[in-house]
Protein backbone atom coordinates (compact mmCIF):
# COMPACT_ATOMS: atom_id res chain seq x y z
CA MET A 1 -6.27 -53.83 66.54
CA LEU A 2 -9.77 -54.42 65.00
CA GLU A 3 -11.42 -57.75 65.85
CA LEU A 4 -12.75 -58.17 62.24
CA ARG A 5 -15.98 -60.02 63.51
CA PRO A 6 -17.21 -62.81 61.43
CA ASN A 7 -20.85 -61.83 60.81
CA CYS A 8 -23.69 -59.30 60.43
CA GLU A 9 -25.07 -59.00 63.99
CA CYS A 10 -28.37 -58.22 62.33
CA CYS A 11 -28.90 -60.99 59.59
CA ASP A 12 -26.08 -63.35 60.63
CA ARG A 13 -24.54 -63.09 57.22
CA ASP A 14 -20.91 -64.15 56.87
CA LEU A 15 -18.38 -61.34 56.64
CA PRO A 16 -15.18 -62.94 56.18
CA PRO A 17 -11.97 -60.78 56.72
CA ASP A 18 -11.77 -59.70 53.22
CA SER A 19 -15.38 -58.79 52.62
CA ALA A 20 -15.97 -55.43 51.03
CA ASP A 21 -19.64 -55.59 52.62
CA ALA A 22 -18.59 -55.39 56.16
CA ARG A 23 -19.59 -52.09 57.83
CA ILE A 24 -18.27 -51.00 61.49
CA CYS A 25 -18.77 -48.28 63.95
CA THR A 26 -16.08 -46.88 66.29
CA PHE A 27 -17.02 -49.86 68.85
CA GLU A 28 -16.67 -52.39 65.89
CA CYS A 29 -20.20 -53.26 65.77
CA THR A 30 -20.31 -55.05 62.70
CA PHE A 31 -23.12 -55.29 60.00
CA CYS A 32 -23.58 -56.08 56.34
CA ALA A 33 -24.00 -53.23 53.93
CA ASP A 34 -27.29 -54.35 53.12
CA CYS A 35 -28.56 -54.04 56.67
CA VAL A 36 -26.80 -50.79 57.31
CA GLU A 37 -28.39 -49.22 54.19
CA THR A 38 -31.99 -50.84 54.31
CA ARG A 39 -32.41 -51.16 58.33
CA PHE A 40 -30.41 -48.58 59.83
CA SER A 41 -29.83 -45.66 57.16
CA GLY A 42 -26.21 -45.80 57.92
CA VAL A 43 -26.37 -45.23 61.81
CA CYS A 44 -25.34 -47.81 64.36
CA PRO A 45 -28.40 -48.96 66.36
CA ASN A 46 -26.33 -49.64 69.44
CA CYS A 47 -24.36 -46.24 69.79
CA GLY A 48 -25.55 -43.87 67.02
CA GLY A 49 -22.51 -43.52 65.50
CA ASP A 50 -21.74 -43.75 61.86
CA LEU A 51 -21.39 -47.07 60.02
CA SER A 52 -18.22 -46.99 57.61
CA ALA A 53 -16.58 -49.74 55.60
CA ARG A 54 -14.41 -51.98 57.63
CA PRO A 55 -10.69 -51.93 56.66
CA ILE A 56 -9.43 -55.21 54.97
CA ARG A 57 -6.59 -56.62 56.77
CA PRO A 58 -3.77 -57.96 54.37
CA ALA A 59 -4.03 -61.75 53.76
CA ALA A 60 -0.32 -61.85 54.77
CA ALA A 61 -1.15 -60.35 58.37
CA LEU A 62 -4.04 -62.60 58.96
CA HIS A 63 -1.80 -65.54 59.81
CA ARG A 64 -0.10 -63.56 62.70
CA PHE A 65 -3.17 -61.29 63.56
CA PRO A 66 -6.30 -63.72 62.77
CA ALA A 67 -9.97 -62.41 62.57
CA SER A 68 -12.33 -63.02 65.22
CA LEU A 69 -14.37 -66.12 65.28
CA LYS A 70 -16.91 -65.03 67.87
CA ARG A 71 -20.26 -64.44 66.37
CA VAL A 72 -22.27 -61.29 67.77
CA TYR A 73 -26.16 -61.24 67.49
CA LYS A 74 -28.15 -58.65 69.21
CA ALA A 75 -31.96 -58.11 69.28
CA HIS A 76 -32.47 -55.08 67.24
CA PRO A 77 -36.23 -54.79 66.40
CA ALA A 78 -35.28 -53.91 62.58
CA CYS A 79 -33.61 -57.35 62.58
CA ALA A 80 -36.39 -59.53 63.80
CA ALA A 81 -37.51 -60.59 60.50
CA VAL A 82 -34.20 -61.65 58.99
CA ARG A 83 -32.56 -63.41 61.93
CA PRO A 84 -32.39 -67.26 61.93
CA PRO A 85 -34.01 -68.77 64.85
CA PRO A 86 -31.63 -69.65 67.63
CA PRO A 87 -30.39 -73.28 67.50
CA SER A 88 -32.87 -74.56 70.08
CA GLU A 89 -35.74 -73.56 68.00
CA ARG A 90 -34.57 -74.72 64.60
CA PRO A 91 -36.17 -77.74 63.17
CA GLN A 92 -34.00 -80.97 63.67
CA PRO A 93 -33.43 -83.22 60.92
CA PRO A 94 -34.98 -86.64 60.80
CA SER A 95 -33.13 -89.40 62.86
CA SER A 96 -32.79 -91.41 59.46
CA TRP A 97 -30.24 -88.65 58.28
CA ALA A 98 -27.72 -89.67 61.13
């Protein structure tokens, strides 16, 4: 069964289970349509395989077979400019916000 990963492993865009913008390869590497078209030319940067539209699991099946919550990030050179910094390097809100 497909994991239905929740994000693009390049730009970290959310890809909910019903997203028509999710693309996967045969190993389930998951990317958004924008990254596939503009950065990878339809080829998976991990395995070299084709990236195709991810099937949408029917909503009625999601309760019994939920989508994955595990976010995957990989250090692809083409993604460096669009990936958010890791949490440890993000600016912290002022203490007055607490």
